[in-house]
mmCIF file of all heavy atoms, coordinates in Angstrom:
data_MODEL
# 
_entry.id   MODEL 
# 
loop_
_atom_site.group_PDB 
_atom_site.id 
_atom_site.type_symbol 
_atom_site.label_atom_id 
_atom_site.label_alt_id 
_atom_site.label_comp_id 
_atom_site.label_asym_id 
_atom_site.label_entity_id 
_atom_site.label_seq_id 
_atom_site.pdbx_PDB_ins_code 
_atom_site.Cartn_x 
_atom_site.Cartn_y 
_atom_site.Cartn_z 
_atom_site.occupancy 
_atom_site.B_iso_or_equiv 
_atom_site.pdbx_formal_charge 
_atom_site.auth_seq_id 
_atom_site.auth_comp_id 
_atom_site.auth_asym_id 
_atom_site.auth_atom_id 
_atom_site.pdbx_PDB_model_num 
ATOM 1   N N   . LEU A 1 1  ? 0.777  -1.177 -0.008  1.00 0.00 ? 1  LEU A N   1 
ATOM 2   C CA  . LEU A 1 1  ? -0.015 -0.028 -0.031  1.00 0.00 ? 1  LEU A CA  1 
ATOM 3   C C   . LEU A 1 1  ? 0.895  1.252  0.010   1.00 0.00 ? 1  LEU A C   1 
ATOM 4   O O   . LEU A 1 1  ? 0.450  2.321  -0.549  1.00 0.00 ? 1  LEU A O   1 
ATOM 5   C CB  . LEU A 1 1  ? -0.927 0.009  1.227   1.00 0.00 ? 1  LEU A CB  1 
ATOM 6   C CG  . LEU A 1 1  ? -2.087 -0.890 1.179   1.00 0.00 ? 1  LEU A CG  1 
ATOM 7   C CD1 . LEU A 1 1  ? -1.685 -2.393 1.494   1.00 0.00 ? 1  LEU A CD1 1 
ATOM 8   C CD2 . LEU A 1 1  ? -3.145 -0.466 2.323   1.00 0.00 ? 1  LEU A CD2 1 
ATOM 9   N N   . GLY A 1 2  ? 2.046  1.156  0.604   1.00 0.00 ? 2  GLY A N   1 
ATOM 10  C CA  . GLY A 1 2  ? 2.919  2.352  0.616   1.00 0.00 ? 2  GLY A CA  1 
ATOM 11  C C   . GLY A 1 2  ? 3.520  2.534  -0.836  1.00 0.00 ? 2  GLY A C   1 
ATOM 12  O O   . GLY A 1 2  ? 3.536  3.721  -1.227  1.00 0.00 ? 2  GLY A O   1 
ATOM 13  N N   . HIS A 1 3  ? 3.809  1.593  -1.606  1.00 0.00 ? 3  HIS A N   1 
ATOM 14  C CA  . HIS A 1 3  ? 4.147  1.717  -2.931  1.00 0.00 ? 3  HIS A CA  1 
ATOM 15  C C   . HIS A 1 3  ? 3.104  2.389  -3.782  1.00 0.00 ? 3  HIS A C   1 
ATOM 16  O O   . HIS A 1 3  ? 3.267  3.293  -4.641  1.00 0.00 ? 3  HIS A O   1 
ATOM 17  C CB  . HIS A 1 3  ? 4.550  0.492  -3.595  1.00 0.00 ? 3  HIS A CB  1 
ATOM 18  C CG  . HIS A 1 3  ? 5.166  0.544  -5.032  1.00 0.00 ? 3  HIS A CG  1 
ATOM 19  N ND1 . HIS A 1 3  ? 6.451  0.702  -5.278  1.00 0.00 ? 3  HIS A ND1 1 
ATOM 20  C CD2 . HIS A 1 3  ? 4.487  0.594  -6.172  1.00 0.00 ? 3  HIS A CD2 1 
ATOM 21  C CE1 . HIS A 1 3  ? 6.655  0.738  -6.610  1.00 0.00 ? 3  HIS A CE1 1 
ATOM 22  N NE2 . HIS A 1 3  ? 5.512  0.834  -7.130  1.00 0.00 ? 3  HIS A NE2 1 
ATOM 23  N N   . ALA A 1 4  ? 1.813  1.955  -3.448  1.00 0.00 ? 4  ALA A N   1 
ATOM 24  C CA  . ALA A 1 4  ? 0.670  2.488  -4.182  1.00 0.00 ? 4  ALA A CA  1 
ATOM 25  C C   . ALA A 1 4  ? 0.494  3.964  -3.843  1.00 0.00 ? 4  ALA A C   1 
ATOM 26  O O   . ALA A 1 4  ? -0.029 4.772  -4.644  1.00 0.00 ? 4  ALA A O   1 
ATOM 27  C CB  . ALA A 1 4  ? -0.585 1.722  -3.793  1.00 0.00 ? 4  ALA A CB  1 
ATOM 28  N N   . ALA A 1 5  ? 0.881  4.323  -2.595  1.00 0.00 ? 5  ALA A N   1 
ATOM 29  C CA  . ALA A 1 5  ? 0.770  5.779  -2.192  1.00 0.00 ? 5  ALA A CA  1 
ATOM 30  C C   . ALA A 1 5  ? 1.853  6.598  -3.022  1.00 0.00 ? 5  ALA A C   1 
ATOM 31  O O   . ALA A 1 5  ? 1.633  7.673  -3.480  1.00 0.00 ? 5  ALA A O   1 
ATOM 32  C CB  . ALA A 1 5  ? 1.023  6.000  -0.693  1.00 0.00 ? 5  ALA A CB  1 
ATOM 33  N N   . TRP A 1 6  ? 3.044  5.983  -3.076  1.00 0.00 ? 6  TRP A N   1 
ATOM 34  C CA  . TRP A 1 6  ? 4.125  6.660  -3.814  1.00 0.00 ? 6  TRP A CA  1 
ATOM 35  C C   . TRP A 1 6  ? 3.711  6.901  -5.291  1.00 0.00 ? 6  TRP A C   1 
ATOM 36  O O   . TRP A 1 6  ? 3.972  7.931  -5.940  1.00 0.00 ? 6  TRP A O   1 
ATOM 37  C CB  . TRP A 1 6  ? 5.431  6.033  -3.781  1.00 0.00 ? 6  TRP A CB  1 
ATOM 38  C CG  . TRP A 1 6  ? 6.264  6.180  -2.513  1.00 0.00 ? 6  TRP A CG  1 
ATOM 39  C CD1 . TRP A 1 6  ? 6.600  5.208  -1.671  1.00 0.00 ? 6  TRP A CD1 1 
ATOM 40  C CD2 . TRP A 1 6  ? 6.630  7.442  -1.831  1.00 0.00 ? 6  TRP A CD2 1 
ATOM 41  N NE1 . TRP A 1 6  ? 7.250  5.688  -0.523  1.00 0.00 ? 6  TRP A NE1 1 
ATOM 42  C CE2 . TRP A 1 6  ? 7.341  7.059  -0.721  1.00 0.00 ? 6  TRP A CE2 1 
ATOM 43  C CE3 . TRP A 1 6  ? 6.531  8.742  -2.259  1.00 0.00 ? 6  TRP A CE3 1 
ATOM 44  C CZ2 . TRP A 1 6  ? 7.821  7.942  0.101   1.00 0.00 ? 6  TRP A CZ2 1 
ATOM 45  C CZ3 . TRP A 1 6  ? 7.128  9.688  -1.498  1.00 0.00 ? 6  TRP A CZ3 1 
ATOM 46  C CH2 . TRP A 1 6  ? 7.714  9.412  -0.179  1.00 0.00 ? 6  TRP A CH2 1 
ATOM 47  N N   . ALA A 1 7  ? 2.942  5.945  -5.831  1.00 0.00 ? 7  ALA A N   1 
ATOM 48  C CA  . ALA A 1 7  ? 2.487  6.005  -7.262  1.00 0.00 ? 7  ALA A CA  1 
ATOM 49  C C   . ALA A 1 7  ? 1.601  7.187  -7.430  1.00 0.00 ? 7  ALA A C   1 
ATOM 50  O O   . ALA A 1 7  ? 1.615  7.791  -8.518  1.00 0.00 ? 7  ALA A O   1 
ATOM 51  C CB  . ALA A 1 7  ? 1.756  4.641  -7.614  1.00 0.00 ? 7  ALA A CB  1 
ATOM 52  N N   . VAL A 1 8  ? 0.709  7.484  -6.423  1.00 0.00 ? 8  VAL A N   1 
ATOM 53  C CA  . VAL A 1 8  ? -0.201 8.585  -6.516  1.00 0.00 ? 8  VAL A CA  1 
ATOM 54  C C   . VAL A 1 8  ? 0.726  9.980  -6.471  1.00 0.00 ? 8  VAL A C   1 
ATOM 55  O O   . VAL A 1 8  ? 0.556  10.919 -7.172  1.00 0.00 ? 8  VAL A O   1 
ATOM 56  C CB  . VAL A 1 8  ? -1.229 8.663  -5.467  1.00 0.00 ? 8  VAL A CB  1 
ATOM 57  C CG1 . VAL A 1 8  ? -1.885 9.990  -5.440  1.00 0.00 ? 8  VAL A CG1 1 
ATOM 58  C CG2 . VAL A 1 8  ? -2.184 7.535  -5.731  1.00 0.00 ? 8  VAL A CG2 1 
ATOM 59  N N   . MET A 1 9  ? 1.746  9.929  -5.507  1.00 0.00 ? 9  MET A N   1 
ATOM 60  C CA  . MET A 1 9  ? 2.559  11.074 -5.401  1.00 0.00 ? 9  MET A CA  1 
ATOM 61  C C   . MET A 1 9  ? 3.592  11.280 -6.578  1.00 0.00 ? 9  MET A C   1 
ATOM 62  O O   . MET A 1 9  ? 4.102  12.392 -6.687  1.00 0.00 ? 9  MET A O   1 
ATOM 63  C CB  . MET A 1 9  ? 3.348  11.035 -4.136  1.00 0.00 ? 9  MET A CB  1 
ATOM 64  C CG  . MET A 1 9  ? 2.479  11.127 -2.841  1.00 0.00 ? 9  MET A CG  1 
ATOM 65  S SD  . MET A 1 9  ? 3.362  11.148 -1.283  1.00 0.00 ? 9  MET A SD  1 
ATOM 66  C CE  . MET A 1 9  ? 3.522  9.444  -0.964  1.00 0.00 ? 9  MET A CE  1 
ATOM 67  N N   . ALA A 1 10 ? 3.712  10.397 -7.475  1.00 0.00 ? 10 ALA A N   1 
ATOM 68  C CA  . ALA A 1 10 ? 4.454  10.569 -8.682  1.00 0.00 ? 10 ALA A CA  1 
ATOM 69  C C   . ALA A 1 10 ? 3.848  11.577 -9.591  1.00 0.00 ? 10 ALA A C   1 
ATOM 70  O O   . ALA A 1 10 ? 4.551  12.273 -10.305 1.00 0.00 ? 10 ALA A O   1 
ATOM 71  C CB  . ALA A 1 10 ? 4.680  9.320  -9.383  1.00 0.00 ? 10 ALA A CB  1 
ATOM 72  N N   . ASP A 1 11 ? 2.574  11.757 -9.495  1.00 0.00 ? 11 ASP A N   1 
ATOM 73  C CA  . ASP A 1 11 ? 1.821  12.820 -10.136 1.00 0.00 ? 11 ASP A CA  1 
ATOM 74  C C   . ASP A 1 11 ? 0.894  13.424 -9.192  1.00 0.00 ? 11 ASP A C   1 
ATOM 75  O O   . ASP A 1 11 ? -0.312 13.258 -9.170  1.00 0.00 ? 11 ASP A O   1 
ATOM 76  C CB  . ASP A 1 11 ? 0.969  12.229 -11.324 1.00 0.00 ? 11 ASP A CB  1 
ATOM 77  C CG  . ASP A 1 11 ? 1.835  11.558 -12.419 1.00 0.00 ? 11 ASP A CG  1 
ATOM 78  O OD1 . ASP A 1 11 ? 2.552  12.165 -13.062 1.00 0.00 ? 11 ASP A OD1 1 
ATOM 79  O OD2 . ASP A 1 11 ? 1.768  10.283 -12.407 1.00 0.00 ? 11 ASP A OD2 1 
ATOM 80  N N   . PRO A 1 12 ? 1.452  14.077 -8.212  1.00 0.00 ? 12 PRO A N   1 
ATOM 81  C CA  . PRO A 1 12 ? 0.661  14.591 -6.967  1.00 0.00 ? 12 PRO A CA  1 
ATOM 82  C C   . PRO A 1 12 ? -0.523 15.479 -7.425  1.00 0.00 ? 12 PRO A C   1 
ATOM 83  O O   . PRO A 1 12 ? -0.415 16.567 -8.048  1.00 0.00 ? 12 PRO A O   1 
ATOM 84  C CB  . PRO A 1 12 ? 1.707  15.364 -6.181  1.00 0.00 ? 12 PRO A CB  1 
ATOM 85  C CG  . PRO A 1 12 ? 2.815  15.739 -7.054  1.00 0.00 ? 12 PRO A CG  1 
ATOM 86  C CD  . PRO A 1 12 ? 2.759  14.692 -8.207  1.00 0.00 ? 12 PRO A CD  1 
ATOM 87  N N   . PRO A 1 13 ? -1.712 15.085 -6.965  1.00 0.00 ? 13 PRO A N   1 
ATOM 88  C CA  . PRO A 1 13 ? -2.849 15.855 -7.342  1.00 0.00 ? 13 PRO A CA  1 
ATOM 89  C C   . PRO A 1 13 ? -2.983 17.130 -6.427  1.00 0.00 ? 13 PRO A C   1 
ATOM 90  O O   . PRO A 1 13 ? -2.525 17.016 -5.332  1.00 0.00 ? 13 PRO A O   1 
ATOM 91  C CB  . PRO A 1 13 ? -4.079 14.903 -7.225  1.00 0.00 ? 13 PRO A CB  1 
ATOM 92  C CG  . PRO A 1 13 ? -3.498 13.810 -6.177  1.00 0.00 ? 13 PRO A CG  1 
ATOM 93  C CD  . PRO A 1 13 ? -2.044 13.790 -6.395  1.00 0.00 ? 13 PRO A CD  1 
ATOM 94  N N   . PRO A 1 14 ? -3.618 18.090 -6.878  1.00 0.00 ? 14 PRO A N   1 
ATOM 95  C CA  . PRO A 1 14 ? -3.742 19.358 -6.018  1.00 0.00 ? 14 PRO A CA  1 
ATOM 96  C C   . PRO A 1 14 ? -4.526 19.069 -4.738  1.00 0.00 ? 14 PRO A C   1 
ATOM 97  O O   . PRO A 1 14 ? -4.344 19.898 -3.811  1.00 0.00 ? 14 PRO A O   1 
ATOM 98  C CB  . PRO A 1 14 ? -4.325 20.375 -6.868  1.00 0.00 ? 14 PRO A CB  1 
ATOM 99  C CG  . PRO A 1 14 ? -5.115 19.535 -8.016  1.00 0.00 ? 14 PRO A CG  1 
ATOM 100 C CD  . PRO A 1 14 ? -4.212 18.304 -8.213  1.00 0.00 ? 14 PRO A CD  1 
ATOM 101 N N   . GLU A 1 15 ? -5.415 18.138 -4.700  1.00 0.00 ? 15 GLU A N   1 
ATOM 102 C CA  . GLU A 1 15 ? -6.211 17.900 -3.485  1.00 0.00 ? 15 GLU A CA  1 
ATOM 103 C C   . GLU A 1 15 ? -5.433 17.176 -2.504  1.00 0.00 ? 15 GLU A C   1 
ATOM 104 O O   . GLU A 1 15 ? -5.843 17.112 -1.249  1.00 0.00 ? 15 GLU A O   1 
ATOM 105 C CB  . GLU A 1 15 ? -7.452 17.050 -3.884  1.00 0.00 ? 15 GLU A CB  1 
ATOM 106 C CG  . GLU A 1 15 ? -8.318 17.683 -4.820  1.00 0.00 ? 15 GLU A CG  1 
ATOM 107 C CD  . GLU A 1 15 ? -8.007 17.335 -6.301  1.00 0.00 ? 15 GLU A CD  1 
ATOM 108 O OE1 . GLU A 1 15 ? -6.926 16.770 -6.545  1.00 0.00 ? 15 GLU A OE1 1 
ATOM 109 O OE2 . GLU A 1 15 ? -8.715 17.742 -7.197  1.00 0.00 ? 15 GLU A OE2 1 
ATOM 110 N N   . LEU A 1 16 ? -4.222 16.650 -2.710  1.00 0.00 ? 16 LEU A N   1 
ATOM 111 C CA  . LEU A 1 16 ? -3.473 15.926 -1.689  1.00 0.00 ? 16 LEU A CA  1 
ATOM 112 C C   . LEU A 1 16 ? -2.799 16.886 -0.725  1.00 0.00 ? 16 LEU A C   1 
ATOM 113 O O   . LEU A 1 16 ? -2.185 17.821 -1.117  1.00 0.00 ? 16 LEU A O   1 
ATOM 114 C CB  . LEU A 1 16 ? -2.406 15.022 -2.390  1.00 0.00 ? 16 LEU A CB  1 
ATOM 115 C CG  . LEU A 1 16 ? -1.475 14.246 -1.514  1.00 0.00 ? 16 LEU A CG  1 
ATOM 116 C CD1 . LEU A 1 16 ? -2.301 13.195 -0.810  1.00 0.00 ? 16 LEU A CD1 1 
ATOM 117 C CD2 . LEU A 1 16 ? -0.307 13.656 -2.224  1.00 0.00 ? 16 LEU A CD2 1 
ATOM 118 N N   . VAL A 1 17 ? -3.024 16.607 0.564   1.00 0.00 ? 17 VAL A N   1 
ATOM 119 C CA  . VAL A 1 17 ? -2.490 17.522 1.635   1.00 0.00 ? 17 VAL A CA  1 
ATOM 120 C C   . VAL A 1 17 ? -1.551 16.860 2.524   1.00 0.00 ? 17 VAL A C   1 
ATOM 121 O O   . VAL A 1 17 ? -0.852 17.473 3.271   1.00 0.00 ? 17 VAL A O   1 
ATOM 122 C CB  . VAL A 1 17 ? -3.635 18.251 2.377   1.00 0.00 ? 17 VAL A CB  1 
ATOM 123 C CG1 . VAL A 1 17 ? -4.513 18.995 1.444   1.00 0.00 ? 17 VAL A CG1 1 
ATOM 124 C CG2 . VAL A 1 17 ? -4.480 17.222 3.080   1.00 0.00 ? 17 VAL A CG2 1 
ATOM 125 N N   . ALA A 1 18 ? -1.460 15.479 2.583   1.00 0.00 ? 18 ALA A N   1 
ATOM 126 C CA  . ALA A 1 18 ? -0.550 14.837 3.551   1.00 0.00 ? 18 ALA A CA  1 
ATOM 127 C C   . ALA A 1 18 ? -0.449 13.350 3.104   1.00 0.00 ? 18 ALA A C   1 
ATOM 128 O O   . ALA A 1 18 ? -1.320 12.766 2.353   1.00 0.00 ? 18 ALA A O   1 
ATOM 129 C CB  . ALA A 1 18 ? -1.098 14.877 4.947   1.00 0.00 ? 18 ALA A CB  1 
ATOM 130 N N   . ALA A 1 19 ? 0.570  12.674 3.570   1.00 0.00 ? 19 ALA A N   1 
ATOM 131 C CA  . ALA A 1 19 ? 0.796  11.253 3.268   1.00 0.00 ? 19 ALA A CA  1 
ATOM 132 C C   . ALA A 1 19 ? 1.514  10.593 4.485   1.00 0.00 ? 19 ALA A C   1 
ATOM 133 O O   . ALA A 1 19 ? 2.357  11.183 5.130   1.00 0.00 ? 19 ALA A O   1 
ATOM 134 C CB  . ALA A 1 19 ? 1.493  11.026 1.954   1.00 0.00 ? 19 ALA A CB  1 
ATOM 135 N N   . VAL A 1 20 ? 1.225  9.320  4.660   1.00 0.00 ? 20 VAL A N   1 
ATOM 136 C CA  . VAL A 1 20 ? 1.923  8.532  5.686   1.00 0.00 ? 20 VAL A CA  1 
ATOM 137 C C   . VAL A 1 20 ? 2.292  7.250  4.955   1.00 0.00 ? 20 VAL A C   1 
ATOM 138 O O   . VAL A 1 20 ? 1.335  6.528  4.411   1.00 0.00 ? 20 VAL A O   1 
ATOM 139 C CB  . VAL A 1 20 ? 0.977  8.202  6.969   1.00 0.00 ? 20 VAL A CB  1 
ATOM 140 C CG1 . VAL A 1 20 ? 1.726  7.266  7.942   1.00 0.00 ? 20 VAL A CG1 1 
ATOM 141 C CG2 . VAL A 1 20 ? 0.500  9.414  7.599   1.00 0.00 ? 20 VAL A CG2 1 
ATOM 142 N N   . VAL A 1 21 ? 3.505  6.942  4.951   1.00 0.00 ? 21 VAL A N   1 
ATOM 143 C CA  . VAL A 1 21 ? 4.062  5.673  4.262   1.00 0.00 ? 21 VAL A CA  1 
ATOM 144 C C   . VAL A 1 21 ? 4.897  4.876  5.217   1.00 0.00 ? 21 VAL A C   1 
ATOM 145 O O   . VAL A 1 21 ? 5.795  5.361  5.904   1.00 0.00 ? 21 VAL A O   1 
ATOM 146 C CB  . VAL A 1 21 ? 4.924  6.048  3.048   1.00 0.00 ? 21 VAL A CB  1 
ATOM 147 C CG1 . VAL A 1 21 ? 5.459  4.845  2.360   1.00 0.00 ? 21 VAL A CG1 1 
ATOM 148 C CG2 . VAL A 1 21 ? 4.140  6.834  1.983   1.00 0.00 ? 21 VAL A CG2 1 
ATOM 149 N N   . ALA A 1 22 ? 4.590  3.582  5.346   1.00 0.00 ? 22 ALA A N   1 
ATOM 150 C CA  . ALA A 1 22 ? 5.320  2.697  6.303   1.00 0.00 ? 22 ALA A CA  1 
ATOM 151 C C   . ALA A 1 22 ? 5.826  1.562  5.656   1.00 0.00 ? 22 ALA A C   1 
ATOM 152 O O   . ALA A 1 22 ? 5.266  0.971  4.685   1.00 0.00 ? 22 ALA A O   1 
ATOM 153 C CB  . ALA A 1 22 ? 4.315  2.314  7.443   1.00 0.00 ? 22 ALA A CB  1 
ATOM 154 N N   . ILE A 1 23 ? 7.019  1.096  6.120   1.00 0.00 ? 23 ILE A N   1 
ATOM 155 C CA  . ILE A 1 23 ? 7.704  -0.173 5.688   1.00 0.00 ? 23 ILE A CA  1 
ATOM 156 C C   . ILE A 1 23 ? 7.482  -0.431 4.184   1.00 0.00 ? 23 ILE A C   1 
ATOM 157 O O   . ILE A 1 23 ? 7.071  -1.494 3.714   1.00 0.00 ? 23 ILE A O   1 
ATOM 158 C CB  . ILE A 1 23 ? 7.254  -1.290 6.432   1.00 0.00 ? 23 ILE A CB  1 
ATOM 159 C CG1 . ILE A 1 23 ? 5.730  -1.619 6.554   1.00 0.00 ? 23 ILE A CG1 1 
ATOM 160 C CG2 . ILE A 1 23 ? 7.831  -1.222 7.944   1.00 0.00 ? 23 ILE A CG2 1 
ATOM 161 C CD1 . ILE A 1 23 ? 5.254  -2.893 7.296   1.00 0.00 ? 23 ILE A CD1 1 
ATOM 162 N N   . SER A 1 24 ? 7.965  0.470  3.332   1.00 0.00 ? 24 SER A N   1 
ATOM 163 C CA  . SER A 1 24 ? 7.810  0.387  1.919   1.00 0.00 ? 24 SER A CA  1 
ATOM 164 C C   . SER A 1 24 ? 8.873  1.126  1.206   1.00 0.00 ? 24 SER A C   1 
ATOM 165 O O   . SER A 1 24 ? 9.528  2.008  1.773   1.00 0.00 ? 24 SER A O   1 
ATOM 166 C CB  . SER A 1 24 ? 6.424  0.958  1.597   1.00 0.00 ? 24 SER A CB  1 
ATOM 167 O OG  . SER A 1 24 ? 6.046  0.783  0.166   1.00 0.00 ? 24 SER A OG  1 
# 
């Protein structure tokens, strides 16, 4: 799930305001 979160942040949408990534 952390890799999937980085995948969204590779093209960060303007609505994104924070992220938590663990063991990834």
